[in-house]
Amino acid sequence: MTNLLQMNNNDDDDHHHHHEPSPYCTRSLLQKSVGVELEFYLVDADAGKFIDDSVFANTTTLNEQEEFLSDLYDQLEQQYIPIELIHAESGPGQLEVVLQYSKNPLELIDHVVLAQETIRAVAAKKKYGYYKASFLPKYNSTTAGNGLHVHLSIRDATTGVPLMATTNDGSTAAAAASSPLSSQASAFVEGMLQHLPGLLGLTMPTVNSFCRIGPGCWTGSQVGWAFEDKEAAIRLCADLRNTSRRRRQWATHVEYKLCDCSCNLYLALAAILSSGLHGMEEKRTLCGQH
């Protein structure tokens, strides 16, 4: 909870009297739309093994842990933390909690921090047999790791118009059939790519973080961007539910995959957003797909 405890940190009287956050408070950097996927393992703390042998999207974990999941959902709901989806992930005993997309990045990251604490607390209840919830990026060398995938989109701050496939002058990316992004969104993505070496120090700050990354694991091991390719570090995501085939070729948001729970997410997300905005300020041209 260290990150959240910094929320009202004032390092001197001047900041305190003016109700300004300390310049060292990472939480205050997010006064700047975002969604997060939170992955974790459930482990039997006494036996030291996963609670089951399920695989991706299997109903085993959901059925066997129905009481735990219902309890968890109720606890999150009581804290007004909106959940979009809870599903089984790739590894044994692995689950993913998808927090609802928010136009307030700061509030969303507060929800992520509180959700982690709630997941740990509910799992540790005696009635569940002393489960342990682990967010470690790579818990076991033979199973999938735990990521913290960040989904981002951009809008015009004045009009609220989405800018992923539409520029603020109303033109669309589809005017050039080869591009799934608007020129502004392209610059945003290129900004993240240009700053990626530095971003990794904030979004994947531990040795264990890099143990999670590898080809064929949907972890973003390919440096670059791609349209609907989970191997890319930055994945362009389409609205596949749209009935227009043409519109399904436009990106509605991007997914930054090189992030996990060992990071300070306030600082990490501020850096990701700042990198993208820097690309827009510089009007960067997006490089080709990996």
Protein backbone atom coordinates (compact mmCIF):
# COMPACT_ATOMS: atom_id res chain seq x y z
CA MET A 1 0.00 0.00 0.00
CA THR A 2 3.06 2.31 -0.04
CA ASN A 3 2.03 3.87 -3.35
CA LEU A 4 -1.43 4.79 -2.09
CA LEU A 5 -0.15 6.15 1.23
CA GLN A 6 1.74 8.80 -0.72
CA MET A 7 -1.49 10.37 -1.94
CA ASN A 8 -1.42 13.32 0.49
CA ASN A 9 2.30 13.43 1.11
CA ASN A 10 3.44 17.03 1.65
CA ASP A 11 7.17 17.39 2.16
CA ASP A 12 7.22 20.94 3.52
CA ASP A 13 5.00 23.60 5.03
CA ASP A 14 4.69 25.54 1.78
CA HIS A 15 3.14 22.57 -0.06
CA HIS A 16 0.96 21.79 2.97
CA HIS A 17 -0.47 25.32 3.25
CA HIS A 18 -1.32 25.41 -0.44
CA HIS A 19 -2.77 21.88 -0.45
CA GLU A 20 -0.31 20.87 -3.16
CA PRO A 21 1.11 17.34 -3.41
CA SER A 22 4.76 16.77 -2.80
CA PRO A 23 6.86 16.79 -6.00
CA TYR A 24 8.00 13.33 -4.90
CA CYS A 25 4.46 11.93 -4.80
CA THR A 26 4.11 9.57 -7.77
CA ARG A 27 0.32 9.38 -7.39
CA SER A 28 -0.11 13.08 -8.22
CA LEU A 29 1.54 12.60 -11.64
CA LEU A 30 -1.67 11.11 -13.00
CA GLN A 31 -3.71 14.30 -13.02
CA LYS A 32 -3.90 13.82 -16.89
CA SER A 33 -8.66 6.82 -20.96
CA VAL A 34 -7.31 3.65 -19.29
CA GLY A 35 -8.14 0.04 -18.48
CA VAL A 36 -6.13 -2.60 -16.63
CA GLU A 37 -5.97 -6.42 -16.65
CA LEU A 38 -4.73 -7.77 -13.31
CA GLU A 39 -3.37 -11.36 -13.33
CA PHE A 40 -2.60 -13.50 -10.28
CA TYR A 41 -2.14 -17.09 -9.11
CA LEU A 42 -4.03 -18.82 -6.32
CA VAL A 43 -1.67 -21.11 -4.41
CA ASP A 44 -2.34 -23.54 -1.56
CA ALA A 45 -0.10 -21.97 1.09
CA ASP A 46 0.24 -25.20 3.09
CA ALA A 47 0.95 -27.54 0.18
CA GLY A 48 2.93 -24.95 -1.78
CA LYS A 49 1.23 -25.78 -5.09
CA PHE A 50 -1.36 -24.31 -7.40
CA ILE A 51 -4.99 -24.87 -6.43
CA ASP A 52 -5.76 -26.69 -9.70
CA ASP A 53 -4.37 -27.73 -13.11
CA SER A 54 -6.64 -25.60 -15.28
CA VAL A 55 -5.67 -24.02 -18.60
CA PHE A 56 -6.65 -20.81 -20.40
CA ALA A 57 -10.36 -19.91 -20.23
CA ASN A 58 -11.14 -23.28 -18.60
CA THR A 59 -14.18 -23.33 -16.31
CA THR A 60 -12.45 -25.54 -13.70
CA THR A 61 -11.14 -22.66 -11.61
CA LEU A 62 -14.34 -20.66 -11.98
CA ASN A 63 -16.49 -23.60 -10.84
CA GLU A 64 -14.26 -24.85 -8.02
CA GLN A 65 -13.55 -21.35 -6.68
CA GLU A 66 -17.07 -19.98 -7.08
CA GLU A 67 -17.36 -19.09 -3.37
CA PHE A 68 -14.01 -17.28 -3.36
CA LEU A 69 -14.81 -15.37 -6.55
CA SER A 70 -18.28 -14.37 -5.33
CA ASP A 71 -16.78 -13.17 -2.04
CA LEU A 72 -14.07 -11.26 -3.92
CA TYR A 73 -16.58 -9.61 -6.27
CA ASP A 74 -18.77 -8.55 -3.34
CA GLN A 75 -15.79 -7.06 -1.48
CA LEU A 76 -14.69 -5.09 -4.54
CA GLU A 77 -18.24 -3.91 -5.21
CA GLN A 78 -18.52 -2.61 -1.63
CA GLN A 79 -15.46 -0.44 -2.33
CA TYR A 80 -17.07 0.89 -5.55
CA ILE A 81 -14.40 -0.78 -7.68
CA PRO A 82 -16.13 -1.60 -10.99
CA ILE A 83 -15.16 -4.97 -12.48
CA GLU A 84 -15.70 -5.72 -16.15
CA LEU A 85 -14.71 -9.39 -16.13
CA ILE A 86 -13.14 -12.18 -14.07
CA HIS A 87 -11.88 -15.20 -15.99
CA ALA A 88 -9.42 -18.09 -15.86
CA GLU A 89 -6.02 -17.36 -17.41
CA SER A 90 -3.34 -19.52 -19.08
CA GLY A 91 -1.72 -21.08 -16.02
CA PRO A 92 -2.97 -23.52 -13.35
CA GLY A 93 -4.93 -21.67 -10.70
CA GLN A 94 -4.40 -18.41 -12.55
CA LEU A 95 -7.11 -15.75 -12.74
CA GLU A 96 -7.49 -12.34 -14.31
CA VAL A 97 -9.54 -9.46 -12.98
CA VAL A 98 -10.33 -6.85 -15.63
CA LEU A 99 -11.07 -3.45 -14.14
CA GLN A 100 -13.57 -1.31 -15.98
CA TYR A 101 -12.21 1.29 -18.38
CA SER A 102 -12.03 4.76 -16.84
CA LYS A 103 -11.47 8.31 -18.08
CA ASN A 104 -9.74 9.02 -14.77
CA PRO A 105 -6.32 7.26 -14.74
CA LEU A 106 -5.61 8.23 -11.13
CA GLU A 107 -8.85 6.72 -9.86
CA LEU A 108 -8.26 3.57 -11.89
CA ILE A 109 -4.81 2.98 -10.41
CA ASP A 110 -6.19 3.58 -6.91
CA HIS A 111 -8.67 0.80 -7.74
CA VAL A 112 -5.86 -1.50 -8.92
CA VAL A 113 -3.93 -1.04 -5.67
CA LEU A 114 -7.03 -1.62 -3.55
CA ALA A 115 -8.04 -4.63 -5.68
CA GLN A 116 -4.64 -6.26 -5.08
CA GLU A 117 -4.97 -5.83 -1.34
CA THR A 118 -8.54 -7.14 -1.42
CA ILE A 119 -7.57 -10.21 -3.48
CA ARG A 120 -4.81 -11.07 -1.00
CA ALA A 121 -7.10 -10.56 2.00
CA VAL A 122 -9.99 -12.63 0.63
CA ALA A 123 -7.65 -15.45 -0.45
CA ALA A 124 -6.12 -15.61 3.04
CA LYS A 125 -9.46 -16.25 4.75
CA LYS A 126 -9.40 -19.45 6.77
CA LYS A 127 -12.57 -20.82 5.14
CA TYR A 128 -10.71 -21.11 1.82
CA GLY A 129 -7.94 -23.23 3.31
CA TYR A 130 -5.22 -20.57 3.55
CA TYR A 131 -4.83 -19.65 -0.09
CA LYS A 132 -2.11 -17.27 -1.11
CA ALA A 133 -2.66 -14.85 -3.99
CA SER A 134 0.59 -14.20 -5.86
CA PHE A 135 1.13 -11.35 -8.32
CA LEU A 136 4.79 -12.29 -8.89
CA PRO A 137 5.62 -11.81 -12.59
CA LYS A 138 7.11 -15.32 -12.89
CA TYR A 139 6.01 -17.64 -10.08
CA ASN A 140 7.00 -20.89 -11.76
CA SER A 141 9.43 -21.38 -14.65
CA THR A 142 7.14 -23.89 -16.41
CA THR A 143 3.89 -21.89 -16.29
CA ALA A 144 2.63 -18.55 -17.62
CA GLY A 145 3.58 -15.45 -15.68
CA ASN A 146 1.48 -12.64 -14.22
CA GLY A 147 1.24 -9.44 -16.22
CA LEU A 148 -0.50 -6.14 -15.63
CA HIS A 149 -1.64 -5.13 -19.10
CA VAL A 150 -2.56 -1.50 -19.63
CA HIS A 151 -5.13 -0.46 -22.26
CA LEU A 152 -5.07 3.12 -23.49
CA SER A 153 -7.02 5.37 -25.82
CA ILE A 154 -6.87 9.08 -26.51
CA ARG A 155 -9.58 11.71 -26.90
CA ASP A 156 -9.72 15.40 -27.66
CA ALA A 157 -9.68 17.11 -24.26
CA THR A 158 -12.12 19.80 -25.41
CA THR A 159 -14.66 17.92 -27.51
CA GLY A 160 -14.25 14.40 -26.11
CA VAL A 161 -13.97 13.00 -29.65
CA PRO A 162 -11.98 9.71 -29.78
CA LEU A 163 -8.71 10.24 -31.65
CA MET A 164 -7.55 6.67 -32.22
CA ALA A 165 -9.00 6.38 -35.72
CA THR A 166 -10.32 9.93 -36.10
CA THR A 167 -8.32 13.16 -36.01
CA ASN A 168 -9.74 16.25 -34.34
CA ASP A 169 -10.55 17.72 -37.75
CA GLY A 170 -12.99 14.84 -38.34
CA SER A 171 -10.97 12.85 -40.89
CA THR A 172 -10.48 9.13 -40.34
CA ALA A 173 -7.54 6.78 -40.50
CA ALA A 174 -9.44 4.75 -43.05
CA ALA A 175 -8.82 7.48 -45.59
CA ALA A 176 -5.54 5.64 -45.94
CA ALA A 177 -6.56 2.01 -45.99
CA SER A 178 -3.08 0.90 -44.94
CA SER A 179 -3.31 2.64 -41.56
CA PRO A 180 -5.44 1.45 -38.61
CA LEU A 181 -4.63 4.65 -36.70
CA SER A 182 -5.08 8.39 -37.06
CA SER A 183 -1.94 10.50 -37.43
CA GLN A 184 -2.26 11.63 -33.79
CA ALA A 185 -2.67 8.09 -32.47
CA SER A 186 0.26 6.98 -34.63
CA ALA A 187 2.43 9.65 -33.04
CA PHE A 188 1.22 8.56 -29.58
CA VAL A 189 2.25 4.94 -30.21
CA GLU A 190 5.58 5.97 -31.73
CA GLY A 191 6.27 8.06 -28.62
CA MET A 192 5.87 4.96 -26.45
CA LEU A 193 8.14 2.95 -28.75
CA GLN A 194 10.82 5.64 -28.79
CA HIS A 195 10.87 5.73 -24.99
CA LEU A 196 10.47 1.96 -24.52
CA PRO A 197 14.02 1.30 -23.20
CA GLY A 198 13.46 3.85 -20.45
CA LEU A 199 9.87 2.77 -19.80
CA LEU A 200 10.99 -0.79 -19.03
CA GLY A 201 12.90 0.46 -16.01
CA LEU A 202 9.59 1.67 -14.58
CA THR A 203 7.08 -0.88 -15.89
CA MET A 204 9.31 -3.99 -15.46
CA PRO A 205 11.66 -2.98 -12.64
CA THR A 206 12.83 -6.40 -11.39
CA VAL A 207 14.89 -9.34 -12.68
CA ASN A 208 11.83 -11.52 -12.20
CA SER A 209 9.91 -9.18 -14.53
CA PHE A 210 12.11 -10.18 -17.45
CA CYS A 211 11.75 -13.88 -16.62
CA ARG A 212 8.08 -13.55 -17.62
CA ILE A 213 8.82 -12.35 -21.15
CA GLY A 214 9.33 -14.87 -23.94
CA PRO A 215 8.16 -15.81 -27.45
CA GLY A 216 4.87 -17.67 -27.80
CA CYS A 217 3.60 -16.52 -24.40
CA TRP A 218 1.54 -13.44 -25.36
CA THR A 219 3.86 -11.33 -23.22
CA GLY A 220 4.89 -8.73 -25.79
CA SER A 221 8.35 -10.13 -26.46
CA GLN A 222 8.44 -8.60 -29.95
CA VAL A 223 9.65 -5.01 -29.71
CA GLY A 224 7.31 -2.93 -31.86
CA TRP A 225 3.62 -2.66 -32.62
CA ALA A 226 1.16 -4.85 -34.51
CA PHE A 227 -2.56 -5.00 -35.21
CA GLU A 228 -4.27 -7.64 -33.00
CA ASP A 229 -1.00 -9.53 -32.35
CA LYS A 230 -0.47 -10.48 -28.70
CA GLU A 231 3.24 -11.09 -29.28
CA ALA A 232 3.79 -7.36 -29.90
CA ALA A 233 4.89 -5.10 -27.06
CA ILE A 234 2.20 -2.64 -28.15
CA ARG A 235 -0.92 -4.26 -29.59
CA LEU A 236 -3.44 -2.27 -31.59
CA CYS A 237 -6.90 -3.48 -30.61
CA ALA A 238 -10.00 -3.34 -32.80
CA ASP A 239 -13.68 -3.45 -31.95
CA LEU A 240 -14.34 -6.88 -33.46
CA ARG A 241 -18.01 -6.62 -32.51
CA ASN A 242 -18.55 -3.81 -35.00
CA THR A 243 -20.68 -4.97 -37.92
CA SER A 244 -18.75 -2.79 -40.36
CA ARG A 245 -15.82 -4.73 -41.80
CA ARG A 246 -14.11 -1.46 -42.61
CA ARG A 247 -14.38 -0.18 -39.05
CA ARG A 248 -13.07 -3.49 -37.67
CA GLN A 249 -9.80 -2.57 -39.40
CA TRP A 250 -9.43 0.57 -37.26
CA ALA A 251 -7.85 0.50 -33.80
CA THR A 252 -10.05 1.65 -30.91
CA HIS A 253 -7.28 1.46 -28.30
CA VAL A 254 -3.78 0.11 -27.69
CA GLU A 255 -2.50 -2.43 -25.17
CA TYR A 256 0.87 -1.94 -23.48
CA LYS A 257 1.93 -5.45 -22.46
CA LEU A 258 5.35 -4.93 -20.84
CA CYS A 259 4.14 -4.19 -17.33
CA ASP A 260 3.64 -6.19 -14.12
CA CYS A 261 2.70 -5.78 -10.47
CA SER A 262 6.27 -5.31 -9.25
CA CYS A 263 6.15 -1.72 -10.54
CA ASN A 264 4.87 1.46 -8.94
CA LEU A 265 1.88 1.73 -11.24
CA TYR A 266 1.32 5.42 -10.56
CA LEU A 267 4.80 6.19 -11.83
CA ALA A 268 4.65 3.58 -14.60
CA LEU A 269 1.37 4.81 -16.08
CA ALA A 270 2.44 8.44 -15.81
CA ALA A 271 5.57 7.55 -17.79
CA ILE A 272 3.60 5.61 -20.43
CA LEU A 273 1.15 8.47 -20.95
CA SER A 274 3.92 11.07 -20.98
CA SER A 275 5.84 9.08 -23.59
CA GLY A 276 2.83 8.91 -25.86
CA LEU A 277 2.03 12.59 -25.41
CA HIS A 278 5.65 13.47 -26.18
CA GLY A 279 5.30 11.59 -29.45
CA MET A 280 2.21 13.67 -30.26
CA GLU A 281 3.98 16.92 -29.39
CA GLU A 282 6.85 15.94 -31.70
CA LYS A 283 4.40 14.71 -34.38
CA ARG A 284 6.35 11.48 -34.68
CA THR A 285 5.84 9.16 -37.66
CA LEU A 286 4.98 5.59 -36.69
CA CYS A 287 7.51 2.97 -37.78
CA GLY A 288 6.37 -0.18 -39.60
CA GLN A 289 4.89 -3.21 -37.85
CA HIS A 290 7.37 -5.64 -36.31
